Amino acid sequence: VIVEISEKMLGVAAVLKKGKLVGVVTDGDIRRMLNKYENINGLKAEDIMTTHPKTIEPGVLAVKALNEMQSNGISQLLVAEKGVYQGVVHLHNLINEGIL
């Protein structure tokens, strides 16, 4: 999970089970675990993930995604349709596309 978060530079990794979205791990989740435990090597994604993450469906207008982020105090939303993970929209995406 840490490698995926670092490589994608989005601060988030989706947790899937049989192709379905079951949770999300953020860089903040990892920092909290590092603060709580001396060694996190034995922990699995399911041990630290947030279940029922905020999602949007594909095709949702960017302004609605932005409003969702602001309302929930988050900087990314997972894109899923009927529980099937499609990707992630990050605040940086909206800035880079000139939406903000």
PDB file of N, CA and C in Angstrom:
ATOM      1  N   VAL A   1       0.830  -1.192   0.000  1.00  0.00           N
ATOM      2  CA  VAL A   1       0.000   0.000   0.000  1.00  0.00           C
ATOM      3  C   VAL A   1       0.870   1.249   0.000  1.00  0.00           C
ATOM      4  N   ILE A   2       1.900   1.255   0.846  1.00  0.00           N
ATOM      5  CA  ILE A   2       2.779   2.422   0.925  1.00  0.00           C
ATOM      6  C   ILE A   2       3.444   2.675  -0.420  1.00  0.00           C
ATOM      7  N   VAL A   3       3.881   1.617  -1.091  1.00  0.00           N
ATOM      8  CA  VAL A   3       4.517   1.767  -2.401  1.00  0.00           C
ATOM      9  C   VAL A   3       3.533   2.364  -3.400  1.00  0.00           C
ATOM     10  N   GLU A   4       2.299   1.877  -3.422  1.00  0.00           N
ATOM     11  CA  GLU A   4       1.295   2.397  -4.357  1.00  0.00           C
ATOM     12  C   GLU A   4       1.013   3.872  -4.097  1.00  0.00           C
ATOM     13  N   ILE A   5       0.864   4.238  -2.839  1.00  0.00           N
ATOM     14  CA  ILE A   5       0.601   5.638  -2.497  1.00  0.00           C
ATOM     15  C   ILE A   5       1.764   6.512  -2.944  1.00  0.00           C
ATOM     16  N   SER A   6       2.991   6.043  -2.721  1.00  0.00           N
ATOM     17  CA  SER A   6       4.175   6.814  -3.100  1.00  0.00           C
ATOM     18  C   SER A   6       4.313   6.932  -4.610  1.00  0.00           C
ATOM     19  N   GLU A   7       4.118   5.827  -5.318  1.00  0.00           N
ATOM     20  CA  GLU A   7       4.284   5.833  -6.772  1.00  0.00           C
ATOM     21  C   GLU A   7       3.258   6.716  -7.467  1.00  0.00           C
ATOM     22  N   LYS A   8       2.021   6.656  -7.031  1.00  0.00           N
ATOM     23  CA  LYS A   8       0.963   7.427  -7.687  1.00  0.00           C
ATOM     24  C   LYS A   8       0.928   8.870  -7.219  1.00  0.00           C
ATOM     25  N   MET A   9       1.585   9.156  -6.093  1.00  0.00           N
ATOM     26  CA  MET A   9       1.668  10.512  -5.548  1.00  0.00           C
ATOM     27  C   MET A   9       0.294  11.156  -5.371  1.00  0.00           C
ATOM     28  N   LEU A  10      -0.691  10.351  -5.017  1.00  0.00           N
ATOM     29  CA  LEU A  10      -2.038  10.862  -4.778  1.00  0.00           C
ATOM     30  C   LEU A  10      -2.413  10.809  -3.304  1.00  0.00           C
ATOM     31  N   GLY A  11      -1.609  10.118  -2.505  1.00  0.00           N
ATOM     32  CA  GLY A  11      -1.893  10.026  -1.082  1.00  0.00           C
ATOM     33  C   GLY A  11      -3.013   9.073  -0.740  1.00  0.00           C
ATOM     34  N   VAL A  12      -3.354   8.186  -1.666  1.00  0.00           N
ATOM     35  CA  VAL A  12      -4.483   7.286  -1.438  1.00  0.00           C
ATOM     36  C   VAL A  12      -4.298   5.993  -2.242  1.00  0.00           C
ATOM     37  N   ALA A  13      -4.766   4.892  -1.660  1.00  0.00           N
ATOM     38  CA  ALA A  13      -4.790   3.611  -2.368  1.00  0.00           C
ATOM     39  C   ALA A  13      -6.133   2.941  -2.094  1.00  0.00           C
ATOM     40  N   ALA A  14      -6.770   2.495  -3.145  1.00  0.00           N
ATOM     41  CA  ALA A  14      -8.043   1.777  -2.999  1.00  0.00           C
ATOM     42  C   ALA A  14      -7.760   0.358  -2.523  1.00  0.00           C
ATOM     43  N   VAL A  15      -8.631  -0.165  -1.684  1.00  0.00           N
ATOM     44  CA  VAL A  15      -8.525  -1.547  -1.217  1.00  0.00           C
ATOM     45  C   VAL A  15      -9.679  -2.315  -1.852  1.00  0.00           C
ATOM     46  N   LEU A  16      -9.321  -3.337  -2.624  1.00  0.00           N
ATOM     47  CA  LEU A  16     -10.317  -4.112  -3.361  1.00  0.00           C
ATOM     48  C   LEU A  16     -10.368  -5.541  -2.845  1.00  0.00           C
ATOM     49  N   LYS A  17     -11.553  -6.114  -2.909  1.00  0.00           N
ATOM     50  CA  LYS A  17     -11.740  -7.530  -2.584  1.00  0.00           C
ATOM     51  C   LYS A  17     -12.625  -8.116  -3.676  1.00  0.00           C
ATOM     52  N   LYS A  18     -12.064  -9.050  -4.429  1.00  0.00           N
ATOM     53  CA  LYS A  18     -12.778  -9.653  -5.563  1.00  0.00           C
ATOM     54  C   LYS A  18     -13.280  -8.581  -6.525  1.00  0.00           C
ATOM     55  N   GLY A  19     -12.438  -7.569  -6.765  1.00  0.00           N
ATOM     56  CA  GLY A  19     -12.768  -6.506  -7.705  1.00  0.00           C
ATOM     57  C   GLY A  19     -13.685  -5.423  -7.177  1.00  0.00           C
ATOM     58  N   LYS A  20     -14.180  -5.589  -5.980  1.00  0.00           N
ATOM     59  CA  LYS A  20     -15.096  -4.602  -5.391  1.00  0.00           C
ATOM     60  C   LYS A  20     -14.339  -3.715  -4.405  1.00  0.00           C
ATOM     61  N   LEU A  21     -14.708  -2.459  -4.384  1.00  0.00           N
ATOM     62  CA  LEU A  21     -14.112  -1.493  -3.477  1.00  0.00           C
ATOM     63  C   LEU A  21     -14.600  -1.755  -2.055  1.00  0.00           C
ATOM     64  N   VAL A  22     -13.660  -2.006  -1.140  1.00  0.00           N
ATOM     65  CA  VAL A  22     -14.042  -2.260   0.255  1.00  0.00           C
ATOM     66  C   VAL A  22     -13.475  -1.217   1.214  1.00  0.00           C
ATOM     67  N   GLY A  23     -12.538  -0.410   0.731  1.00  0.00           N
ATOM     68  CA  GLY A  23     -11.965   0.597   1.611  1.00  0.00           C
ATOM     69  C   GLY A  23     -10.914   1.428   0.916  1.00  0.00           C
ATOM     70  N   VAL A  24     -10.310   2.311   1.701  1.00  0.00           N
ATOM     71  CA  VAL A  24      -9.262   3.187   1.200  1.00  0.00           C
ATOM     72  C   VAL A  24      -8.226   3.373   2.304  1.00  0.00           C
ATOM     73  N   VAL A  25      -6.969   3.441   1.896  1.00  0.00           N
ATOM     74  CA  VAL A  25      -5.885   3.766   2.820  1.00  0.00           C
ATOM     75  C   VAL A  25      -5.262   5.056   2.323  1.00  0.00           C
ATOM     76  N   THR A  26      -5.165   6.029   3.214  1.00  0.00           N
ATOM     77  CA  THR A  26      -4.557   7.312   2.860  1.00  0.00           C
ATOM     78  C   THR A  26      -3.206   7.447   3.541  1.00  0.00           C
ATOM     79  N   ASP A  27      -2.429   8.416   3.066  1.00  0.00           N
ATOM     80  CA  ASP A  27      -1.154   8.672   3.725  1.00  0.00           C
ATOM     81  C   ASP A  27      -1.383   9.075   5.180  1.00  0.00           C
ATOM     82  N   GLY A  28      -2.487   9.730   5.458  1.00  0.00           N
ATOM     83  CA  GLY A  28      -2.830  10.087   6.835  1.00  0.00           C
ATOM     84  C   GLY A  28      -3.090   8.862   7.697  1.00  0.00           C
ATOM     85  N   ASP A  29      -3.753   7.842   7.128  1.00  0.00           N
ATOM     86  CA  ASP A  29      -3.978   6.588   7.863  1.00  0.00           C
ATOM     87  C   ASP A  29      -2.643   5.956   8.252  1.00  0.00           C
ATOM     88  N   ILE A  30      -1.702   5.977   7.320  1.00  0.00           N
ATOM     89  CA  ILE A  30      -0.389   5.383   7.579  1.00  0.00           C
ATOM     90  C   ILE A  30       0.354   6.176   8.652  1.00  0.00           C
ATOM     91  N   ARG A  31       0.297   7.500   8.577  1.00  0.00           N
ATOM     92  CA  ARG A  31       0.952   8.324   9.606  1.00  0.00           C
ATOM     93  C   ARG A  31       0.363   8.043  10.984  1.00  0.00           C
ATOM     94  N   ARG A  32      -0.956   7.918  11.061  1.00  0.00           N
ATOM     95  CA  ARG A  32      -1.592   7.623  12.350  1.00  0.00           C
ATOM     96  C   ARG A  32      -1.145   6.266  12.895  1.00  0.00           C
ATOM     97  N   MET A  33      -1.005   5.278  12.021  1.00  0.00           N
ATOM     98  CA  MET A  33      -0.546   3.962  12.463  1.00  0.00           C
ATOM     99  C   MET A  33       0.911   4.008  12.909  1.00  0.00           C
ATOM    100  N   LEU A  34       1.742   4.782  12.206  1.00  0.00           N
ATOM    101  CA  LEU A  34       3.145   4.930  12.613  1.00  0.00           C
ATOM    102  C   LEU A  34       3.245   5.579  13.986  1.00  0.00           C
ATOM    103  N   ASN A  35       2.344   6.491  14.257  1.00  0.00           N
ATOM    104  CA  ASN A  35       2.324   7.160  15.551  1.00  0.00           C
ATOM    105  C   ASN A  35       1.810   6.226  16.652  1.00  0.00           C
ATOM    106  N   LYS A  36       0.910   5.321  16.283  1.00  0.00           N
ATOM    107  CA  LYS A  36       0.269   4.434  17.257  1.00  0.00           C
ATOM    108  C   LYS A  36       1.108   3.193  17.565  1.00  0.00           C
ATOM    109  N   TYR A  37       1.754   2.633  16.539  1.00  0.00           N
ATOM    110  CA  TYR A  37       2.511   1.391  16.692  1.00  0.00           C
ATOM    111  C   TYR A  37       3.986   1.626  16.402  1.00  0.00           C
ATOM    112  N   GLU A  38       4.820   0.917  17.133  1.00  0.00           N
ATOM    113  CA  GLU A  38       6.262   1.020  16.910  1.00  0.00           C
ATOM    114  C   GLU A  38       6.653   0.399  15.570  1.00  0.00           C
ATOM    115  N   ASN A  39       5.978  -0.685  15.198  1.00  0.00           N
ATOM    116  CA  ASN A  39       6.293  -1.391  13.962  1.00  0.00           C
ATOM    117  C   ASN A  39       4.980  -1.733  13.253  1.00  0.00           C
ATOM    118  N   ILE A  40       4.830  -1.275  12.018  1.00  0.00           N
ATOM    119  CA  ILE A  40       3.592  -1.545  11.271  1.00  0.00           C
ATOM    120  C   ILE A  40       3.777  -2.613  10.199  1.00  0.00           C
ATOM    121  N   ASN A  41       4.949  -3.254  10.178  1.00  0.00           N
ATOM    122  CA  ASN A  41       5.228  -4.241   9.131  1.00  0.00           C
ATOM    123  C   ASN A  41       4.223  -5.380   9.084  1.00  0.00           C
ATOM    124  N   GLY A  42       3.656  -5.776  10.209  1.00  0.00           N
ATOM    125  CA  GLY A  42       2.711  -6.887  10.230  1.00  0.00           C
ATOM    126  C   GLY A  42       1.280  -6.499   9.912  1.00  0.00           C
ATOM    127  N   LEU A  43       1.026  -5.200   9.788  1.00  0.00           N
ATOM    128  CA  LEU A  43      -0.345  -4.751   9.529  1.00  0.00           C
ATOM    129  C   LEU A  43      -0.715  -4.940   8.064  1.00  0.00           C
ATOM    130  N   LYS A  44      -1.967  -5.269   7.815  1.00  0.00           N
ATOM    131  CA  LYS A  44      -2.494  -5.387   6.456  1.00  0.00           C
ATOM    132  C   LYS A  44      -3.324  -4.149   6.154  1.00  0.00           C
ATOM    133  N   ALA A  45      -3.587  -3.934   4.885  1.00  0.00           N
ATOM    134  CA  ALA A  45      -4.397  -2.780   4.476  1.00  0.00           C
ATOM    135  C   ALA A  45      -5.731  -2.773   5.210  1.00  0.00           C
ATOM    136  N   GLU A  46      -6.326  -3.941   5.380  1.00  0.00           N
ATOM    137  CA  GLU A  46      -7.634  -4.006   6.048  1.00  0.00           C
ATOM    138  C   GLU A  46      -7.555  -3.595   7.520  1.00  0.00           C
ATOM    139  N   ASP A  47      -6.350  -3.640   8.101  1.00  0.00           N
ATOM    140  CA  ASP A  47      -6.178  -3.234   9.496  1.00  0.00           C
ATOM    141  C   ASP A  47      -6.237  -1.720   9.678  1.00  0.00           C
ATOM    142  N   ILE A  48      -5.895  -0.983   8.628  1.00  0.00           N
ATOM    143  CA  ILE A  48      -5.823   0.478   8.768  1.00  0.00           C
ATOM    144  C   ILE A  48      -6.750   1.233   7.824  1.00  0.00           C
ATOM    145  N   MET A  49      -7.413   0.522   6.937  1.00  0.00           N
ATOM    146  CA  MET A  49      -8.235   1.198   5.930  1.00  0.00           C
ATOM    147  C   MET A  49      -9.487   1.831   6.533  1.00  0.00           C
ATOM    148  N   THR A  50      -9.972   2.810   5.815  1.00  0.00           N
ATOM    149  CA  THR A  50     -11.275   3.396   6.101  1.00  0.00           C
ATOM    150  C   THR A  50     -12.290   2.627   5.264  1.00  0.00           C
ATOM    151  N   THR A  51     -13.290   2.054   5.918  1.00  0.00           N
ATOM    152  CA  THR A  51     -14.325   1.347   5.167  1.00  0.00           C
ATOM    153  C   THR A  51     -15.378   2.351   4.712  1.00  0.00           C
ATOM    154  N   HIS A  52     -16.090   2.015   3.697  1.00  0.00           N
ATOM    155  CA  HIS A  52     -17.136   2.868   3.130  1.00  0.00           C
ATOM    156  C   HIS A  52     -16.596   4.259   2.774  1.00  0.00           C
ATOM    157  N   PRO A  53     -15.549   4.302   1.922  1.00  0.00           N
ATOM    158  CA  PRO A  53     -14.987   5.604   1.563  1.00  0.00           C
ATOM    159  C   PRO A  53     -15.961   6.415   0.708  1.00  0.00           C
ATOM    160  N   LYS A  54     -15.757   7.713   0.692  1.00  0.00           N
ATOM    161  CA  LYS A  54     -16.561   8.599  -0.154  1.00  0.00           C
ATOM    162  C   LYS A  54     -16.224   8.300  -1.610  1.00  0.00           C
ATOM    163  N   THR A  55     -17.264   8.131  -2.411  1.00  0.00           N
ATOM    164  CA  THR A  55     -17.065   7.832  -3.831  1.00  0.00           C
ATOM    165  C   THR A  55     -17.973   8.704  -4.688  1.00  0.00           C
ATOM    166  N   ILE A  56     -17.619   8.754  -5.956  1.00  0.00           N
ATOM    167  CA  ILE A  56     -18.485   9.357  -6.968  1.00  0.00           C
ATOM    168  C   ILE A  56     -18.577   8.368  -8.116  1.00  0.00           C
ATOM    169  N   GLU A  57     -19.607   8.526  -8.927  1.00  0.00           N
ATOM    170  CA  GLU A  57     -19.759   7.663 -10.094  1.00  0.00           C
ATOM    171  C   GLU A  57     -19.074   8.300 -11.291  1.00  0.00           C
ATOM    172  N   PRO A  58     -18.651   7.483 -12.252  1.00  0.00           N
ATOM    173  CA  PRO A  58     -18.071   8.034 -13.472  1.00  0.00           C
ATOM    174  C   PRO A  58     -19.081   8.969 -14.138  1.00  0.00           C
ATOM    175  N   GLY A  59     -18.607  10.014 -14.727  1.00  0.00           N
ATOM    176  CA  GLY A  59     -19.487  10.944 -15.427  1.00  0.00           C
ATOM    177  C   GLY A  59     -20.020  12.072 -14.573  1.00  0.00           C
ATOM    178  N   VAL A  60     -19.732  12.063 -13.277  1.00  0.00           N
ATOM    179  CA  VAL A  60     -20.173  13.151 -12.401  1.00  0.00           C
ATOM    180  C   VAL A  60     -19.388  14.408 -12.759  1.00  0.00           C
ATOM    181  N   LEU A  61     -20.072  15.534 -12.791  1.00  0.00           N
ATOM    182  CA  LEU A  61     -19.411  16.795 -13.114  1.00  0.00           C
ATOM    183  C   LEU A  61     -18.315  17.108 -12.101  1.00  0.00           C
ATOM    184  N   ALA A  62     -17.220  17.676 -12.603  1.00  0.00           N
ATOM    185  CA  ALA A  62     -16.076  17.997 -11.751  1.00  0.00           C
ATOM    186  C   ALA A  62     -16.459  18.931 -10.615  1.00  0.00           C
ATOM    187  N   VAL A  63     -17.349  19.868 -10.875  1.00  0.00           N
ATOM    188  CA  VAL A  63     -17.747  20.809  -9.829  1.00  0.00           C
ATOM    189  C   VAL A  63     -18.460  20.076  -8.691  1.00  0.00           C
ATOM    190  N   LYS A  64     -19.201  19.028  -9.014  1.00  0.00           N
ATOM    191  CA  LYS A  64     -19.856  18.236  -7.968  1.00  0.00           C
ATOM    192  C   LYS A  64     -18.809  17.470  -7.159  1.00  0.00           C
ATOM    193  N   ALA A  65     -17.798  16.956  -7.834  1.00  0.00           N
ATOM    194  CA  ALA A  65     -16.710  16.267  -7.133  1.00  0.00           C
ATOM    195  C   ALA A  65     -16.012  17.229  -6.179  1.00  0.00           C
ATOM    196  N   LEU A  66     -15.758  18.438  -6.643  1.00  0.00           N
ATOM    197  CA  LEU A  66     -15.126  19.454  -5.800  1.00  0.00           C
ATOM    198  C   LEU A  66     -15.990  19.765  -4.585  1.00  0.00           C
ATOM    199  N   ASN A  67     -17.278  19.941  -4.795  1.00  0.00           N
ATOM    200  CA  ASN A  67     -18.191  20.215  -3.681  1.00  0.00           C
ATOM    201  C   ASN A  67     -18.186  19.075  -2.662  1.00  0.00           C
ATOM    202  N   GLU A  68     -18.146  17.835  -3.147  1.00  0.00           N
ATOM    203  CA  GLU A  68     -18.092  16.662  -2.261  1.00  0.00           C
ATOM    204  C   GLU A  68     -16.812  16.688  -1.434  1.00  0.00           C
ATOM    205  N   MET A  69     -15.688  17.007  -2.087  1.00  0.00           N
ATOM    206  CA  MET A  69     -14.412  17.075  -1.373  1.00  0.00           C
ATOM    207  C   MET A  69     -14.465  18.144  -0.283  1.00  0.00           C
ATOM    208  N   GLN A  70     -14.961  19.314  -0.648  1.00  0.00           N
ATOM    209  CA  GLN A  70     -15.037  20.410   0.322  1.00  0.00           C
ATOM    210  C   GLN A  70     -15.969  20.057   1.477  1.00  0.00           C
ATOM    211  N   SER A  71     -17.104  19.481   1.178  1.00  0.00           N
ATOM    212  CA  SER A  71     -18.083  19.129   2.215  1.00  0.00           C
ATOM    213  C   SER A  71     -17.545  18.111   3.207  1.00  0.00           C
ATOM    214  N   ASN A  72     -16.667  17.232   2.730  1.00  0.00           N
ATOM    215  CA  ASN A  72     -16.155  16.152   3.573  1.00  0.00           C
ATOM    216  C   ASN A  72     -14.730  16.383   4.063  1.00  0.00           C
ATOM    217  N   GLY A  73     -14.134  17.518   3.695  1.00  0.00           N
ATOM    218  CA  GLY A  73     -12.782  17.825   4.148  1.00  0.00           C
ATOM    219  C   GLY A  73     -11.735  16.854   3.643  1.00  0.00           C
ATOM    220  N   ILE A  74     -11.900  16.420   2.384  1.00  0.00           N
ATOM    221  CA  ILE A  74     -10.958  15.470   1.791  1.00  0.00           C
ATOM    222  C   ILE A  74     -10.405  16.049   0.496  1.00  0.00           C
ATOM    223  N   SER A  75      -9.289  15.487   0.030  1.00  0.00           N
ATOM    224  CA  SER A  75      -8.678  16.007  -1.191  1.00  0.00           C
ATOM    225  C   SER A  75      -8.763  15.029  -2.352  1.00  0.00           C
ATOM    226  N   GLN A  76      -9.439  13.902  -2.159  1.00  0.00           N
ATOM    227  CA  GLN A  76      -9.616  12.948  -3.243  1.00  0.00           C
ATOM    228  C   GLN A  76     -10.915  12.176  -3.063  1.00  0.00           C
ATOM    229  N   LEU A  77     -11.430  11.722  -4.179  1.00  0.00           N
ATOM    230  CA  LEU A  77     -12.625  10.869  -4.185  1.00  0.00           C
ATOM    231  C   LEU A  77     -12.337   9.660  -5.055  1.00  0.00           C
ATOM    232  N   LEU A  78     -12.755   8.506  -4.594  1.00  0.00           N
ATOM    233  CA  LEU A  78     -12.631   7.318  -5.416  1.00  0.00           C
ATOM    234  C   LEU A  78     -13.803   7.282  -6.383  1.00  0.00           C
ATOM    235  N   VAL A  79     -13.522   6.847  -7.594  1.00  0.00           N
ATOM    236  CA  VAL A  79     -14.559   6.728  -8.614  1.00  0.00           C
ATOM    237  C   VAL A  79     -14.947   5.254  -8.678  1.00  0.00           C
ATOM    238  N   ALA A  80     -16.229   4.995  -8.456  1.00  0.00           N
ATOM    239  CA  ALA A  80     -16.718   3.613  -8.460  1.00  0.00           C
ATOM    240  C   ALA A  80     -18.136   3.585  -9.005  1.00  0.00           C
ATOM    241  N   GLU A  81     -18.430   2.496  -9.687  1.00  0.00           N
ATOM    242  CA  GLU A  81     -19.788   2.293 -10.195  1.00  0.00           C
ATOM    243  C   GLU A  81     -20.268   0.930  -9.712  1.00  0.00           C
ATOM    244  N   LYS A  82     -21.334   0.942  -8.940  1.00  0.00           N
ATOM    245  CA  LYS A  82     -21.882  -0.288  -8.349  1.00  0.00           C
ATOM    246  C   LYS A  82     -20.808  -1.061  -7.584  1.00  0.00           C
ATOM    247  N   GLY A  83     -19.972  -0.319  -6.862  1.00  0.00           N
ATOM    248  CA  GLY A  83     -18.935  -0.936  -6.041  1.00  0.00           C
ATOM    249  C   GLY A  83     -17.676  -1.333  -6.773  1.00  0.00           C
ATOM    250  N   VAL A  84     -17.663  -1.192  -8.103  1.00  0.00           N
ATOM    251  CA  VAL A  84     -16.481  -1.554  -8.884  1.00  0.00           C
ATOM    252  C   VAL A  84     -15.601  -0.317  -9.038  1.00  0.00           C
ATOM    253  N   TYR A  85     -14.381  -0.414  -8.535  1.00  0.00           N
ATOM    254  CA  TYR A  85     -13.429   0.695  -8.545  1.00  0.00           C
ATOM    255  C   TYR A  85     -13.024   1.053  -9.969  1.00  0.00           C
ATOM    256  N   GLN A  86     -13.058   2.352 -10.276  1.00  0.00           N
ATOM    257  CA  GLN A  86     -12.683   2.840 -11.598  1.00  0.00           C
ATOM    258  C   GLN A  86     -11.416   3.695 -11.563  1.00  0.00           C
ATOM    259  N   GLY A  87     -11.203   4.414 -10.465  1.00  0.00           N
ATOM    260  CA  GLY A  87     -10.043   5.292 -10.369  1.00  0.00           C
ATOM    261  C   GLY A  87     -10.217   6.283  -9.241  1.00  0.00           C
ATOM    262  N   VAL A  88      -9.438   7.354  -9.304  1.00  0.00           N
ATOM    263  CA  VAL A  88      -9.481   8.364  -8.252  1.00  0.00           C
ATOM    264  C   VAL A  88      -9.423   9.748  -8.884  1.00  0.00           C
ATOM    265  N   VAL A  89     -10.170  10.665  -8.321  1.00  0.00           N
ATOM    266  CA  VAL A  89     -10.099  12.074  -8.707  1.00  0.00           C
ATOM    267  C   VAL A  89      -9.509  12.804  -7.518  1.00  0.00           C
ATOM    268  N   HIS A  90      -8.418  13.497  -7.762  1.00  0.00           N
ATOM    269  CA  HIS A  90      -7.730  14.235  -6.701  1.00  0.00           C
ATOM    270  C   HIS A  90      -7.902  15.724  -6.948  1.00  0.00           C
ATOM    271  N   LEU A  91      -7.875  16.482  -5.887  1.00  0.00           N
ATOM    272  CA  LEU A  91      -7.958  17.934  -5.984  1.00  0.00           C
ATOM    273  C   LEU A  91      -6.932  18.473  -6.975  1.00  0.00           C
ATOM    274  N   HIS A  92      -5.739  17.868  -7.001  1.00  0.00           N
ATOM    275  CA  HIS A  92      -4.704  18.297  -7.950  1.00  0.00           C
ATOM    276  C   HIS A  92      -5.167  18.126  -9.396  1.00  0.00           C
ATOM    277  N   ASN A  93      -5.938  17.065  -9.671  1.00  0.00           N
ATOM    278  CA  ASN A  93      -6.478  16.865 -11.020  1.00  0.00           C
ATOM    279  C   ASN A  93      -7.346  18.043 -11.426  1.00  0.00           C
ATOM    280  N   LEU A  94      -8.185  18.483 -10.502  1.00  0.00           N
ATOM    281  CA  LEU A  94      -9.095  19.590 -10.794  1.00  0.00           C
ATOM    282  C   LEU A  94      -8.331  20.895 -11.003  1.00  0.00           C
ATOM    283  N   ILE A  95      -7.294  21.098 -10.222  1.00  0.00           N
ATOM    284  CA  ILE A  95      -6.465  22.300 -10.377  1.00  0.00           C
ATOM    285  C   ILE A  95      -5.733  22.256 -11.711  1.00  0.00           C
ATOM    286  N   ASN A  96      -5.104  21.117 -12.020  1.00  0.00           N
ATOM    287  CA  ASN A  96      -4.337  20.987 -13.263  1.00  0.00           C
ATOM    288  C   ASN A  96      -5.201  21.128 -14.505  1.00  0.00           C
ATOM    289  N   GLU A  97      -6.467  20.752 -14.410  1.00  0.00           N
ATOM    290  CA  GLU A  97      -7.378  20.872 -15.546  1.00  0.00           C
ATOM    291  C   GLU A  97      -8.023  22.252 -15.622  1.00  0.00           C
ATOM    292  N   GLY A  98      -7.661  23.130 -14.694  1.00  0.00           N
ATOM    293  CA  GLY A  98      -8.189  24.495 -14.720  1.00  0.00           C
ATOM    294  C   GLY A  98      -9.605  24.623 -14.206  1.00  0.00           C
ATOM    295  N   ILE A  99     -10.073  23.638 -13.466  1.00  0.00           N
ATOM    296  CA  ILE A  99     -11.438  23.682 -12.954  1.00  0.00           C
ATOM    297  C   ILE A  99     -11.526  24.612 -11.751  1.00  0.00           C
ATOM    298  N   LEU A 100     -10.429  24.792 -11.051  1.00  0.00           N
ATOM    299  CA  LEU A 100     -10.383  25.715  -9.911  1.00  0.00           C
ATOM    300  C   LEU A 100      -9.706  26.998 -10.321  1.00  0.00           C
TER     301      LEU A 100
END
